[in-house]
Amino acid sequence: MIVIPFSGSPLDRASEKRTDSVWLEEQLNDPNSLVWPFWQLRPFIREDSGSDAAKCPAYFRADATAQIAGPDALKIFLGLENRRAIFAADIISGTSPDEIGPLSGGGEFYEARAAAQLLSPEAAAILGQAKALIDWHKRHGFCPNCGAKTFFADGGYRRHCVACGADHFPRTDPVVIMLVIHGGACLVGRSPRFAEGMFSALAGFIEPGETIEEAVAREVFEETGVRVRNVIYFATQPWPFPSSLMIGCFAEAEAREITIDKTELAEAFWLEKSKLRTLLSGQPVDGLTIPPPIAIAHHLLKRFAEMP
């Protein structure tokens, strides 16, 4: 079974409890409940001595949230783990709260991508859920319908506009990410924002009224001029940067001629499987690098390399 980072959360999301404000308040005041502090979308993590992971979430008692994050902190209900409620709290502070105050010495705030690579897969999945939701709330403080202020509701899974009565819910944007293959090679590209030498699978947002297969074909042709067929689903990955669902696919190219759209890609080329296998083994090849295991693109490349 493929384990894709940010998937496989151990939590029972207990969605039926989200509308019960009395129950949620009880959980926040329960000394057995836990809260995971975030600051500027960075999770608070500490050394992990109980597993193979380098770090683990630095949880605190939920009834101490006001002391840790302030009385008005955003407190999102993430779910239940062994009947114990788990929350994420967004700390609003100009300076890192791990340097002074109740969190001092208890861990460190890490950039989310870096943290996910140090945590266990289960903890990384919880991180992805928490980070995406906190980010959504930060972006949706005002109603897109009338412009009035919106208010937190349902444990973090809804914002309500009192002015016009509209309800707004967290969204996930579907993105196709596809590895195009032709014989013993795969098509990889480098976005202008990538580091020099970094190449990955092609990707793009699905547009309204478009199927996954249609989006794969359109994006590949727009970026490289390559026509594809036989789109095959591989796996999906929740990607909390800020909140996408990466839909991994393979596709077969009709030919290898490339015409790059320079607004989308800086470079693109056909990577031979032999070179890809060398890269996956950790050995350098022509100054090239590929995405790390945190990204579904890595797993697409790895699966292709394993094909006979």
Protein backbone atom coordinates (compact mmCIF):
# COMPACT_ATOMS: atom_id res chain seq x y z
CA MET A 1 0.00 0.00 0.00
CA ILE A 2 1.30 3.46 -0.94
CA VAL A 3 1.59 5.89 1.97
CA ILE A 4 1.43 9.41 0.56
CA PRO A 5 2.45 12.20 2.98
CA PHE A 6 -0.42 14.25 4.48
CA SER A 7 -2.79 11.27 4.08
CA GLY A 8 -3.75 8.54 6.54
CA SER A 9 -4.83 10.61 9.53
CA PRO A 10 -5.48 8.52 12.66
CA LEU A 11 -8.20 10.89 13.85
CA ASP A 12 -11.94 10.26 13.85
CA ARG A 13 -13.10 13.60 12.48
CA ALA A 14 -16.40 13.21 14.39
CA SER A 15 -18.11 15.61 12.01
CA GLU A 16 -21.46 15.01 13.72
CA LYS A 17 -20.10 16.79 16.82
CA ARG A 18 -19.01 20.00 15.07
CA THR A 19 -22.37 21.76 15.35
CA ASP A 20 -22.67 21.01 19.08
CA SER A 21 -21.14 24.14 20.61
CA VAL A 22 -21.80 22.90 24.16
CA TRP A 23 -19.92 19.64 23.50
CA LEU A 24 -17.02 21.50 21.88
CA GLU A 25 -16.72 23.82 24.87
CA GLU A 26 -16.73 20.82 27.20
CA GLN A 27 -13.88 19.28 25.23
CA LEU A 28 -11.86 22.48 25.36
CA ASN A 29 -12.24 22.50 29.14
CA ASP A 30 -11.48 18.79 29.50
CA PRO A 31 -7.94 18.25 30.90
CA ASN A 32 -7.66 15.10 28.78
CA SER A 33 -8.13 17.01 25.51
CA LEU A 34 -5.08 18.25 23.63
CA VAL A 35 -4.25 21.34 21.59
CA TRP A 36 -1.51 21.71 18.98
CA PRO A 37 -0.21 25.31 18.82
CA PHE A 38 0.48 26.95 15.44
CA TRP A 39 2.13 30.30 14.84
CA GLN A 40 2.19 31.91 11.38
CA LEU A 41 1.02 28.54 9.99
CA ARG A 42 3.99 26.81 11.61
CA PRO A 43 3.33 23.81 13.88
CA PHE A 44 4.95 23.57 17.31
CA ILE A 45 7.01 20.35 17.40
CA ARG A 46 9.55 18.75 19.71
CA GLU A 47 12.04 15.90 19.83
CA ASP A 48 10.40 12.47 19.60
CA SER A 49 11.96 9.75 21.74
CA GLY A 50 9.12 7.26 21.33
CA SER A 51 9.22 6.45 17.60
CA ASP A 52 11.40 6.44 14.52
CA ALA A 53 10.33 10.00 13.67
CA ALA A 54 12.73 12.82 14.47
CA LYS A 55 9.99 15.08 15.81
CA CYS A 56 6.45 14.84 17.16
CA PRO A 57 3.62 17.33 17.80
CA ALA A 58 4.16 19.38 20.95
CA TYR A 59 0.64 19.00 22.35
CA PHE A 60 -0.62 20.83 25.42
CA ARG A 61 -3.71 20.45 27.57
CA ALA A 62 -6.62 22.06 25.80
CA ASP A 63 -7.89 23.68 29.00
CA ALA A 64 -4.67 25.73 29.00
CA THR A 65 -5.30 27.14 25.50
CA ALA A 66 -6.12 30.63 26.76
CA GLN A 67 -2.80 30.76 28.62
CA ILE A 68 -0.87 29.45 25.62
CA ALA A 69 -2.58 31.21 22.72
CA GLY A 70 -4.75 33.91 24.26
CA PRO A 71 -8.50 33.99 24.99
CA ASP A 72 -9.48 34.91 21.41
CA ALA A 73 -7.29 32.39 19.62
CA LEU A 74 -8.73 30.39 16.75
CA LYS A 75 -9.38 26.89 18.13
CA ILE A 76 -10.16 24.28 15.46
CA PHE A 77 -11.53 20.86 16.33
CA LEU A 78 -9.50 18.29 14.39
CA GLY A 79 -11.10 15.09 15.65
CA LEU A 80 -10.89 12.34 18.25
CA GLU A 81 -8.01 10.04 19.00
CA ASN A 82 -9.00 7.23 21.35
CA ARG A 83 -12.02 9.36 22.37
CA ARG A 84 -9.76 12.28 23.30
CA ALA A 85 -10.42 15.55 21.48
CA ILE A 86 -7.59 17.12 19.49
CA PHE A 87 -7.59 20.82 18.61
CA ALA A 88 -5.29 23.20 16.74
CA ALA A 89 -4.83 26.73 18.10
CA ASP A 90 -3.60 29.68 16.06
CA ILE A 91 -1.35 31.93 18.14
CA ILE A 92 -1.41 35.58 17.09
CA SER A 93 1.89 37.13 18.09
CA GLY A 94 4.46 39.40 16.50
CA THR A 95 7.38 37.41 17.87
CA SER A 96 7.84 33.66 18.06
CA PRO A 97 6.07 32.48 21.24
CA ASP A 98 8.53 29.60 21.67
CA GLU A 99 11.10 32.10 22.94
CA ILE A 100 9.12 33.53 25.87
CA GLY A 101 5.99 32.57 27.79
CA PRO A 102 4.42 29.17 28.49
CA LEU A 103 5.81 27.51 25.32
CA SER A 104 9.41 28.50 25.97
CA GLY A 105 11.65 25.44 26.05
CA GLY A 106 8.85 23.06 25.08
CA GLY A 107 9.64 22.82 21.38
CA GLU A 108 10.05 24.93 18.27
CA PHE A 109 7.85 26.30 15.49
CA TYR A 110 8.86 24.77 12.15
CA GLU A 111 7.89 25.70 8.60
CA ALA A 112 5.15 23.22 7.69
CA ARG A 113 6.94 21.50 4.78
CA ALA A 114 10.06 20.98 6.87
CA ALA A 115 8.02 19.77 9.84
CA ALA A 116 6.12 17.22 7.77
CA GLN A 117 9.39 15.57 6.76
CA LEU A 118 10.39 15.15 10.40
CA LEU A 119 7.07 13.88 11.75
CA SER A 120 5.51 10.43 11.53
CA PRO A 121 3.08 9.95 8.62
CA GLU A 122 0.14 10.07 11.02
CA ALA A 123 1.28 13.32 12.61
CA ALA A 124 2.01 14.84 9.19
CA ALA A 125 -1.58 14.07 8.15
CA ILE A 126 -2.92 15.90 11.21
CA LEU A 127 -0.56 18.77 10.45
CA GLY A 128 -1.94 19.02 6.91
CA GLN A 129 -5.53 19.20 8.15
CA ALA A 130 -4.75 21.82 10.78
CA LYS A 131 -2.58 24.01 8.56
CA ALA A 132 -5.11 24.05 5.70
CA LEU A 133 -7.98 25.00 8.01
CA ILE A 134 -6.09 27.74 9.84
CA ASP A 135 -4.96 29.16 6.52
CA TRP A 136 -8.54 29.14 5.23
CA HIS A 137 -9.81 31.09 8.24
CA LYS A 138 -7.05 33.68 7.80
CA ARG A 139 -8.18 34.22 4.19
CA HIS A 140 -11.93 34.33 4.79
CA GLY A 141 -12.54 36.90 7.49
CA PHE A 142 -14.99 38.76 5.26
CA CYS A 143 -17.99 37.55 3.31
CA PRO A 144 -17.42 37.27 -0.46
CA ASN A 145 -21.18 37.76 -0.91
CA CYS A 146 -21.63 41.12 0.85
CA GLY A 147 -18.23 42.09 2.28
CA ALA A 148 -19.28 42.01 5.96
CA LYS A 149 -17.24 40.30 8.66
CA THR A 150 -17.68 36.53 9.01
CA PHE A 151 -17.63 34.52 12.23
CA PHE A 152 -16.09 31.21 13.24
CA ALA A 153 -18.58 28.31 13.54
CA ASP A 154 -18.88 24.51 13.72
CA GLY A 155 -15.51 23.96 15.37
CA GLY A 156 -13.73 25.59 12.45
CA TYR A 157 -15.57 24.06 9.47
CA ARG A 158 -17.84 27.00 8.70
CA ARG A 159 -17.81 30.80 8.77
CA HIS A 160 -21.11 32.61 9.04
CA CYS A 161 -22.03 36.08 7.83
CA VAL A 162 -24.58 37.71 10.15
CA ALA A 163 -25.17 40.55 7.71
CA CYS A 164 -26.51 38.50 4.78
CA GLY A 165 -26.90 35.06 6.35
CA ALA A 166 -24.43 33.35 3.99
CA ASP A 167 -22.44 30.37 5.19
CA HIS A 168 -18.96 29.66 3.89
CA PHE A 169 -17.15 26.34 4.11
CA PRO A 170 -13.49 25.33 3.69
CA ARG A 171 -12.68 24.51 0.10
CA THR A 172 -10.24 22.10 -1.49
CA ASP A 173 -8.95 22.85 -4.98
CA PRO A 174 -8.50 19.81 -7.25
CA VAL A 175 -5.15 19.68 -9.05
CA VAL A 176 -3.98 17.10 -11.57
CA ILE A 177 -0.34 16.10 -11.36
CA MET A 178 0.73 13.74 -14.12
CA LEU A 179 3.77 11.87 -15.23
CA VAL A 180 3.73 11.57 -18.99
CA ILE A 181 5.60 8.55 -20.30
CA HIS A 182 6.84 7.49 -23.71
CA GLY A 183 8.75 4.25 -23.94
CA GLY A 184 11.55 4.27 -21.38
CA ALA A 185 11.37 7.96 -20.53
CA CYS A 186 9.11 10.36 -18.63
CA LEU A 187 8.41 14.03 -19.26
CA VAL A 188 9.59 16.36 -16.48
CA GLY A 189 9.55 20.12 -16.22
CA ARG A 190 11.01 22.92 -14.14
CA SER A 191 8.79 25.77 -13.04
CA PRO A 192 10.40 29.23 -13.08
CA ARG A 193 10.02 29.29 -9.28
CA PHE A 194 11.93 26.00 -8.82
CA ALA A 195 15.60 25.91 -7.88
CA GLU A 196 18.02 25.43 -10.74
CA GLY A 197 18.20 21.74 -11.64
CA MET A 198 14.93 20.77 -9.89
CA PHE A 199 12.52 18.92 -12.18
CA SER A 200 9.14 17.40 -11.41
CA ALA A 201 5.96 16.01 -12.93
CA LEU A 202 3.68 18.50 -14.67
CA ALA A 203 0.65 19.81 -12.76
CA GLY A 204 -2.28 22.20 -13.01
CA PHE A 205 -5.67 23.11 -11.56
CA ILE A 206 -8.81 21.43 -12.86
CA GLU A 207 -11.11 23.99 -14.44
CA PRO A 208 -14.92 24.17 -14.05
CA GLY A 209 -16.73 21.68 -16.23
CA GLU A 210 -13.62 19.58 -16.79
CA THR A 211 -12.90 15.92 -16.05
CA ILE A 212 -9.62 14.68 -14.60
CA GLU A 213 -8.68 13.16 -17.94
CA GLU A 214 -9.48 16.35 -19.82
CA ALA A 215 -7.46 18.45 -17.36
CA VAL A 216 -4.45 16.16 -17.73
CA ALA A 217 -4.55 16.40 -21.52
CA ARG A 218 -5.09 20.17 -21.54
CA GLU A 219 -2.37 21.00 -19.01
CA VAL A 220 0.25 18.82 -20.68
CA PHE A 221 -0.49 20.28 -24.11
CA GLU A 222 -0.59 23.88 -22.82
CA GLU A 223 2.76 23.56 -21.05
CA THR A 224 4.71 21.36 -23.46
CA GLY A 225 2.74 20.91 -26.68
CA VAL A 226 2.66 17.14 -26.09
CA ARG A 227 -0.55 15.25 -26.88
CA VAL A 228 -1.46 12.44 -24.45
CA ARG A 229 -3.86 9.50 -24.23
CA ASN A 230 -4.63 6.62 -21.85
CA VAL A 231 -4.77 8.66 -18.63
CA ILE A 232 -4.53 6.30 -15.64
CA TYR A 233 -5.23 7.25 -12.02
CA PHE A 234 -2.41 6.60 -9.53
CA ALA A 235 -3.18 8.13 -6.09
CA THR A 236 -4.24 11.36 -4.41
CA GLN A 237 -2.55 13.60 -1.87
CA PRO A 238 -4.00 16.33 0.35
CA TRP A 239 -1.61 19.26 -0.14
CA PRO A 240 -2.06 22.02 2.47
CA PHE A 241 -0.21 24.80 0.59
CA PRO A 242 -2.72 26.28 0.92
CA SER A 243 -5.40 23.62 0.33
CA SER A 244 -5.39 21.34 -2.70
CA LEU A 245 -6.09 17.73 -3.52
CA MET A 246 -3.33 16.50 -5.82
CA ILE A 247 -4.73 13.85 -8.19
CA GLY A 248 -1.80 11.79 -9.41
CA CYS A 249 -2.02 10.23 -12.88
CA PHE A 250 0.05 8.62 -15.57
CA ALA A 251 -0.50 9.44 -19.23
CA GLU A 252 0.96 8.13 -22.45
CA ALA A 253 2.50 10.59 -24.92
CA GLU A 254 1.77 10.29 -28.63
CA ALA A 255 5.20 11.73 -29.52
CA ARG A 256 8.23 13.33 -27.83
CA GLU A 257 8.40 16.71 -29.58
CA ILE A 258 8.26 19.50 -26.96
CA THR A 259 7.17 23.12 -27.37
CA ILE A 260 7.45 24.87 -24.00
CA ASP A 261 5.10 27.58 -22.76
CA LYS A 262 7.70 29.87 -21.17
CA THR A 263 5.11 31.46 -18.86
CA GLU A 264 4.50 28.05 -17.26
CA LEU A 265 7.85 26.25 -17.54
CA ALA A 266 11.48 27.28 -17.63
CA GLU A 267 12.59 23.91 -19.02
CA ALA A 268 11.23 20.47 -19.89
CA PHE A 269 12.84 17.31 -21.19
CA TRP A 270 12.46 13.54 -21.42
CA LEU A 271 14.18 11.84 -18.47
CA GLU A 272 15.36 8.34 -19.26
CA LYS A 273 14.41 5.67 -16.74
CA SER A 274 18.03 4.65 -16.18
CA LYS A 275 18.93 8.19 -15.05
CA LEU A 276 15.80 8.40 -12.90
CA ARG A 277 16.75 5.20 -11.09
CA THR A 278 20.18 6.66 -10.39
CA LEU A 279 18.59 9.85 -8.99
CA LEU A 280 16.25 7.83 -6.78
CA SER A 281 19.24 5.92 -5.40
CA GLY A 282 20.67 9.22 -4.17
CA GLN A 283 23.45 9.54 -6.71
CA PRO A 284 23.89 12.78 -8.71
CA VAL A 285 23.05 12.92 -12.41
CA ASP A 286 23.95 15.95 -14.52
CA GLY A 287 23.13 18.37 -11.70
CA LEU A 288 19.49 17.24 -11.59
CA THR A 289 17.27 16.93 -8.53
CA ILE A 290 13.75 15.59 -8.12
CA PRO A 291 11.05 16.26 -5.50
CA PRO A 292 11.52 14.64 -2.06
CA PRO A 293 9.22 11.89 -0.74
CA ILE A 294 6.91 14.49 0.85
CA ALA A 295 5.54 15.22 -2.64
CA ILE A 296 3.30 12.90 -4.67
CA ALA A 297 5.50 13.73 -7.68
CA HIS A 298 8.27 11.70 -6.04
CA HIS A 299 5.97 8.69 -5.79
CA LEU A 300 4.88 9.01 -9.41
CA LEU A 301 8.54 9.01 -10.48
CA LYS A 302 9.35 6.13 -8.18
CA ARG A 303 6.49 4.01 -9.52
CA PHE A 304 7.61 4.68 -13.11
CA ALA A 305 11.18 3.72 -12.22
CA GLU A 306 9.93 0.43 -10.82
CA MET A 307 8.05 -0.43 -14.01
CA PRO A 308 9.78 -3.13 -16.11
